[in-house]
Every structure is written in structure tokens, then in C-alpha cells.
N, C-alpha and C. Protein backbone atom coordinates (compact mmCIF):
# COMPACT_ATOMS: atom_id res chain seq x y z
N UNK A 1 42.03 -101.24 -101.55
CA UNK A 1 43.33 -100.64 -101.28
C UNK A 1 43.19 -99.66 -100.12
N UNK A 2 44.19 -99.60 -99.33
CA UNK A 2 44.21 -98.72 -98.16
C UNK A 2 44.34 -97.28 -98.60
N UNK A 3 43.51 -96.42 -98.03
CA UNK A 3 43.47 -95.02 -98.45
C UNK A 3 44.80 -94.31 -98.24
N UNK A 4 45.56 -94.67 -97.22
CA UNK A 4 46.82 -94.00 -96.93
C UNK A 4 47.89 -94.25 -97.98
N UNK A 5 47.71 -95.27 -98.82
CA UNK A 5 48.70 -95.56 -99.84
C UNK A 5 48.35 -94.93 -101.18
N UNK A 6 47.19 -94.31 -101.30
CA UNK A 6 46.79 -93.68 -102.54
C UNK A 6 47.41 -92.29 -102.66
N UNK A 7 47.54 -91.86 -103.88
CA UNK A 7 48.01 -90.49 -104.14
C UNK A 7 46.84 -89.69 -104.70
N UNK A 8 46.91 -88.40 -104.52
CA UNK A 8 45.90 -87.54 -105.13
C UNK A 8 46.12 -87.49 -106.64
N UNK A 9 45.16 -86.94 -107.35
CA UNK A 9 45.29 -86.90 -108.82
C UNK A 9 46.50 -86.06 -109.24
N UNK A 10 46.81 -84.99 -108.50
CA UNK A 10 47.99 -84.18 -108.83
C UNK A 10 49.27 -84.98 -108.62
N UNK A 11 49.29 -85.84 -107.61
CA UNK A 11 50.45 -86.69 -107.38
C UNK A 11 50.66 -87.67 -108.52
N UNK A 12 49.56 -88.24 -109.00
CA UNK A 12 49.64 -89.18 -110.12
C UNK A 12 50.10 -88.49 -111.40
N UNK A 13 49.54 -87.31 -111.68
CA UNK A 13 49.93 -86.56 -112.88
C UNK A 13 51.40 -86.15 -112.78
N UNK A 14 51.82 -85.73 -111.58
CA UNK A 14 53.22 -85.35 -111.39
C UNK A 14 54.14 -86.52 -111.66
N UNK A 15 53.76 -87.69 -111.17
CA UNK A 15 54.59 -88.87 -111.38
C UNK A 15 54.70 -89.20 -112.87
N UNK A 16 53.61 -89.07 -113.60
CA UNK A 16 53.63 -89.34 -115.05
C UNK A 16 54.55 -88.35 -115.75
N UNK A 17 54.44 -87.06 -115.40
CA UNK A 17 55.31 -86.05 -116.03
C UNK A 17 56.78 -86.31 -115.71
N UNK A 18 57.08 -86.67 -114.49
CA UNK A 18 58.48 -86.93 -114.11
C UNK A 18 59.01 -88.17 -114.84
N UNK A 19 58.18 -89.19 -114.98
CA UNK A 19 58.60 -90.38 -115.72
C UNK A 19 58.85 -90.05 -117.19
N UNK A 20 57.95 -89.28 -117.80
CA UNK A 20 58.15 -88.87 -119.19
C UNK A 20 59.44 -88.07 -119.32
N UNK A 21 59.65 -87.13 -118.40
CA UNK A 21 60.87 -86.32 -118.44
C UNK A 21 62.12 -87.14 -118.24
N UNK A 22 62.07 -88.10 -117.32
CA UNK A 22 63.24 -88.94 -117.07
C UNK A 22 63.60 -89.80 -118.26
N UNK A 23 62.60 -90.40 -118.89
CA UNK A 23 62.84 -91.21 -120.08
C UNK A 23 63.37 -90.33 -121.21
N UNK A 24 62.80 -89.15 -121.35
CA UNK A 24 63.26 -88.23 -122.40
C UNK A 24 64.72 -87.85 -122.18
N UNK A 25 65.09 -87.52 -120.94
CA UNK A 25 66.49 -87.16 -120.67
C UNK A 25 67.42 -88.34 -120.91
N UNK A 26 66.98 -89.55 -120.59
CA UNK A 26 67.78 -90.74 -120.86
C UNK A 26 68.00 -90.92 -122.36
N UNK A 27 66.94 -90.71 -123.13
CA UNK A 27 67.06 -90.82 -124.59
C UNK A 27 67.95 -89.72 -125.16
N UNK A 28 67.89 -88.52 -124.59
CA UNK A 28 68.77 -87.44 -125.04
C UNK A 28 70.23 -87.84 -124.82
N UNK A 29 70.51 -88.44 -123.67
CA UNK A 29 71.88 -88.89 -123.38
C UNK A 29 72.35 -89.98 -124.33
N UNK A 30 71.50 -90.96 -124.58
CA UNK A 30 71.84 -92.04 -125.52
C UNK A 30 72.03 -91.46 -126.92
N UNK A 31 71.14 -90.54 -127.30
CA UNK A 31 71.26 -89.91 -128.61
C UNK A 31 72.56 -89.15 -128.77
N UNK A 32 73.04 -88.54 -127.69
CA UNK A 32 74.31 -87.84 -127.75
C UNK A 32 75.47 -88.77 -128.06
N UNK A 33 75.42 -89.99 -127.53
CA UNK A 33 76.49 -90.96 -127.79
C UNK A 33 76.44 -91.52 -129.20
N UNK A 34 75.24 -91.68 -129.74
CA UNK A 34 75.15 -92.27 -131.07
C UNK A 34 74.98 -91.23 -132.18
N UNK A 35 75.01 -89.94 -131.78
CA UNK A 35 74.94 -88.86 -132.76
C UNK A 35 73.57 -88.70 -133.40
N UNK A 36 72.53 -88.86 -132.59
CA UNK A 36 71.17 -88.78 -133.11
C UNK A 36 70.30 -87.97 -132.16
N UNK A 37 69.27 -87.32 -132.69
CA UNK A 37 68.33 -86.58 -131.86
C UNK A 37 67.23 -87.53 -131.40
N UNK A 38 67.31 -87.97 -130.14
CA UNK A 38 66.30 -88.87 -129.58
C UNK A 38 65.42 -88.14 -128.57
N UNK A 39 65.42 -86.81 -128.60
CA UNK A 39 64.57 -86.01 -127.73
C UNK A 39 63.13 -86.14 -128.23
N UNK A 40 62.37 -87.01 -127.58
CA UNK A 40 61.02 -87.33 -128.04
C UNK A 40 60.12 -86.09 -128.01
N UNK A 41 60.23 -85.28 -126.99
CA UNK A 41 59.41 -84.07 -126.90
C UNK A 41 59.70 -83.15 -128.07
N UNK A 42 60.98 -82.99 -128.38
CA UNK A 42 61.38 -82.16 -129.52
C UNK A 42 60.92 -82.76 -130.83
N UNK A 43 61.00 -84.07 -130.96
CA UNK A 43 60.58 -84.72 -132.20
C UNK A 43 59.07 -84.58 -132.42
N UNK A 44 58.29 -84.63 -131.34
CA UNK A 44 56.84 -84.51 -131.46
C UNK A 44 56.41 -83.06 -131.63
N UNK A 45 56.97 -82.16 -130.82
CA UNK A 45 56.51 -80.77 -130.80
C UNK A 45 57.55 -79.79 -131.34
N UNK A 46 58.54 -80.27 -132.07
CA UNK A 46 59.62 -79.41 -132.57
C UNK A 46 59.14 -78.26 -133.43
N UNK A 47 58.01 -78.44 -134.10
CA UNK A 47 57.46 -77.38 -134.93
C UNK A 47 56.77 -76.30 -134.13
N UNK A 48 56.54 -76.56 -132.86
CA UNK A 48 55.88 -75.59 -131.97
C UNK A 48 56.70 -75.47 -130.68
N UNK A 49 57.78 -74.68 -130.73
CA UNK A 49 58.68 -74.62 -129.58
C UNK A 49 58.01 -74.14 -128.30
N UNK A 50 56.97 -73.31 -128.40
CA UNK A 50 56.31 -72.83 -127.18
C UNK A 50 55.66 -73.99 -126.44
N UNK A 51 55.04 -74.90 -127.20
CA UNK A 51 54.43 -76.08 -126.56
C UNK A 51 55.52 -76.94 -125.92
N UNK A 52 56.63 -77.09 -126.61
CA UNK A 52 57.76 -77.86 -126.09
C UNK A 52 58.26 -77.24 -124.77
N UNK A 53 58.39 -75.94 -124.72
CA UNK A 53 58.86 -75.27 -123.51
C UNK A 53 57.86 -75.43 -122.36
N UNK A 54 56.56 -75.35 -122.70
CA UNK A 54 55.53 -75.53 -121.67
C UNK A 54 55.62 -76.93 -121.07
N UNK A 55 55.86 -77.94 -121.91
CA UNK A 55 55.99 -79.31 -121.40
C UNK A 55 57.20 -79.41 -120.49
N UNK A 56 58.31 -78.79 -120.87
CA UNK A 56 59.50 -78.82 -120.01
C UNK A 56 59.22 -78.14 -118.67
N UNK A 57 58.49 -77.04 -118.69
CA UNK A 57 58.13 -76.35 -117.45
C UNK A 57 57.25 -77.24 -116.58
N UNK A 58 56.27 -77.92 -117.21
CA UNK A 58 55.39 -78.81 -116.45
C UNK A 58 56.17 -79.98 -115.83
N UNK A 59 57.13 -80.51 -116.57
CA UNK A 59 57.97 -81.59 -116.02
C UNK A 59 58.75 -81.07 -114.81
N UNK A 60 59.32 -79.88 -114.93
CA UNK A 60 60.07 -79.29 -113.81
C UNK A 60 59.18 -79.02 -112.60
N UNK A 61 57.98 -78.49 -112.83
CA UNK A 61 57.05 -78.25 -111.71
C UNK A 61 56.61 -79.55 -111.07
N UNK A 62 56.40 -80.58 -111.89
CA UNK A 62 56.02 -81.89 -111.35
C UNK A 62 57.14 -82.45 -110.47
N UNK A 63 58.38 -82.28 -110.90
CA UNK A 63 59.51 -82.75 -110.09
C UNK A 63 59.57 -82.01 -108.77
N UNK A 64 59.37 -80.70 -108.80
CA UNK A 64 59.36 -79.92 -107.56
C UNK A 64 58.24 -80.37 -106.62
N UNK A 65 57.07 -80.67 -107.20
CA UNK A 65 55.95 -81.13 -106.39
C UNK A 65 56.28 -82.45 -105.71
N UNK A 66 56.95 -83.35 -106.43
CA UNK A 66 57.33 -84.62 -105.83
C UNK A 66 58.42 -84.45 -104.78
N UNK A 67 59.33 -83.52 -105.00
CA UNK A 67 60.39 -83.27 -104.03
C UNK A 67 59.82 -82.65 -102.75
N UNK A 68 58.97 -81.65 -102.92
CA UNK A 68 58.42 -80.93 -101.77
C UNK A 68 57.29 -81.68 -101.09
N UNK A 69 56.65 -82.59 -101.80
CA UNK A 69 55.55 -83.35 -101.24
C UNK A 69 54.23 -82.63 -101.38
N UNK A 70 53.20 -83.31 -100.92
CA UNK A 70 51.85 -82.80 -101.03
C UNK A 70 51.22 -82.81 -99.64
N UNK A 71 50.39 -81.83 -99.36
CA UNK A 71 49.79 -81.75 -98.03
C UNK A 71 48.32 -82.15 -98.04
N UNK A 72 47.82 -82.73 -99.14
CA UNK A 72 46.42 -83.13 -99.17
C UNK A 72 46.22 -84.39 -98.33
N UNK A 73 44.99 -84.66 -97.96
CA UNK A 73 44.69 -85.80 -97.09
C UNK A 73 45.01 -87.13 -97.75
N UNK A 74 44.79 -87.25 -99.05
CA UNK A 74 45.05 -88.52 -99.74
C UNK A 74 46.54 -88.87 -99.68
N UNK A 75 47.40 -87.88 -99.85
CA UNK A 75 48.85 -88.13 -99.86
C UNK A 75 49.41 -88.29 -98.44
N UNK A 76 48.81 -87.61 -97.47
CA UNK A 76 49.29 -87.68 -96.09
C UNK A 76 48.74 -88.88 -95.35
N UNK A 77 47.75 -89.56 -95.91
CA UNK A 77 47.16 -90.70 -95.22
C UNK A 77 46.11 -90.28 -94.22
N UNK A 78 45.60 -89.07 -94.33
CA UNK A 78 44.56 -88.61 -93.41
C UNK A 78 43.20 -89.07 -93.83
N UNK A 79 42.18 -88.44 -93.35
CA UNK A 79 40.78 -88.78 -93.62
C UNK A 79 40.53 -90.25 -93.36
N UNK A 80 40.89 -90.67 -92.17
CA UNK A 80 40.66 -92.03 -91.69
C UNK A 80 41.58 -93.06 -92.31
N UNK A 81 42.70 -92.66 -92.85
CA UNK A 81 43.68 -93.63 -93.29
C UNK A 81 44.61 -93.92 -92.12
N UNK A 82 45.28 -95.06 -92.14
CA UNK A 82 46.25 -95.33 -91.09
C UNK A 82 47.29 -94.22 -91.16
N UNK A 83 47.73 -93.73 -90.09
CA UNK A 83 48.61 -92.57 -90.08
C UNK A 83 47.80 -91.31 -90.11
N UNK A 84 46.57 -91.40 -89.62
CA UNK A 84 45.64 -90.28 -89.62
C UNK A 84 46.29 -89.10 -88.91
N UNK A 85 46.19 -87.96 -89.54
CA UNK A 85 46.86 -86.79 -88.98
C UNK A 85 45.85 -85.80 -88.40
N UNK A 86 45.12 -86.26 -87.41
CA UNK A 86 44.22 -85.35 -86.72
C UNK A 86 42.94 -85.06 -87.44
N UNK A 87 42.39 -86.03 -88.17
CA UNK A 87 41.16 -85.77 -88.91
C UNK A 87 39.95 -85.77 -87.98
N UNK A 88 40.10 -86.26 -86.77
CA UNK A 88 39.00 -86.26 -85.83
C UNK A 88 38.13 -87.50 -85.91
N UNK A 89 38.42 -88.40 -86.84
CA UNK A 89 37.62 -89.60 -87.00
C UNK A 89 38.35 -90.85 -86.53
N UNK A 90 39.35 -90.69 -85.71
CA UNK A 90 40.19 -91.82 -85.31
C UNK A 90 39.43 -92.86 -84.50
N UNK A 91 38.33 -92.51 -83.93
CA UNK A 91 37.56 -93.48 -83.17
C UNK A 91 36.41 -94.07 -83.99
N UNK A 92 36.28 -93.68 -85.25
CA UNK A 92 35.17 -94.18 -86.05
C UNK A 92 35.42 -95.62 -86.47
N UNK A 93 34.35 -96.34 -86.76
CA UNK A 93 34.48 -97.73 -87.20
C UNK A 93 35.17 -97.80 -88.56
N UNK A 94 34.97 -96.78 -89.41
CA UNK A 94 35.61 -96.76 -90.72
C UNK A 94 37.13 -96.72 -90.56
N UNK A 95 37.60 -95.88 -89.64
CA UNK A 95 39.04 -95.78 -89.40
C UNK A 95 39.58 -97.10 -88.88
N UNK A 96 38.87 -97.73 -87.95
CA UNK A 96 39.34 -98.98 -87.39
C UNK A 96 39.39 -100.07 -88.45
N UNK A 97 38.43 -100.08 -89.38
CA UNK A 97 38.48 -101.10 -90.44
C UNK A 97 39.67 -100.84 -91.37
N UNK A 98 39.99 -99.56 -91.65
CA UNK A 98 41.18 -99.25 -92.47
C UNK A 98 42.44 -99.68 -91.74
N UNK A 99 42.50 -99.45 -90.44
CA UNK A 99 43.66 -99.86 -89.65
C UNK A 99 43.84 -101.36 -89.69
N UNK A 100 42.73 -102.12 -89.52
CA UNK A 100 42.85 -103.57 -89.52
C UNK A 100 43.24 -104.08 -90.90
N UNK A 101 42.76 -103.45 -91.98
CA UNK A 101 43.18 -103.82 -93.33
C UNK A 101 44.67 -103.62 -93.49
N UNK A 102 45.17 -102.50 -92.98
CA UNK A 102 46.62 -102.21 -93.10
C UNK A 102 47.43 -103.23 -92.33
N UNK A 103 46.98 -103.59 -91.15
CA UNK A 103 47.71 -104.56 -90.33
C UNK A 103 47.67 -105.94 -91.00
N UNK A 104 46.54 -106.33 -91.58
CA UNK A 104 46.43 -107.62 -92.25
C UNK A 104 47.30 -107.69 -93.48
N UNK A 105 47.43 -106.59 -94.20
CA UNK A 105 48.26 -106.59 -95.41
C UNK A 105 49.75 -106.67 -95.08
N UNK A 106 50.13 -106.32 -93.86
CA UNK A 106 51.54 -106.38 -93.45
C UNK A 106 51.94 -107.81 -93.07
N UNK A 107 50.97 -108.63 -92.75
CA UNK A 107 51.28 -109.99 -92.30
C UNK A 107 51.66 -110.90 -93.43
């Protein structure tokens, strides 16, 4: 896989938290229509509201991270990925092989 298309571990964790939050909010909405509590986070951690609140905060922070983006090399496509942003290795053979892989995958 081309390095420029990979996300850093924080990007992956953020995506998981946002997906969990999105599904949970969808279930809350459906539960409102059918008169049932489908808030999965509340159902799992309802006995420990502090943990529930921490999860909600983490979901919100993950969403902000995805909105604002990440400046690490893995997310920006640097460190010899196509779209290299001044890593200084643009003339290296490793960079050229990544570039040719990216061009071949587009065909």
C-alpha cells in the first residue's frame, strides 16, 4: 500500500470513535421514534456515568481531530510518499518507487 494513503494510529482511532458515536446517535434517534432507549453507550456504561461522559468527550475530540486534520507525515503523505511535503528525500530511489506504485495503481 502506498504510504501517502495510510493514516497515523491517532487517525485510525479517531475514525473508530467517530463511527461508534455516529452509530450511537443514529440508534438514539431510532429509539426516540419507537419509544426505547437504544443509546448503546448508556446501556453499557449507564451504571458509571463518569465513564460514559469520558467516552462522549473522546468521541467529540475525535470528531474535532478529523475536522481539523492531522499534520503528521503519515497523514500528509510525507516521508517519501507521493505528495511529499518537503521531506528532502524526493530524489531518493525509495520515493521514486512509491511514486511509480501510485501511478500504476491509478491506471
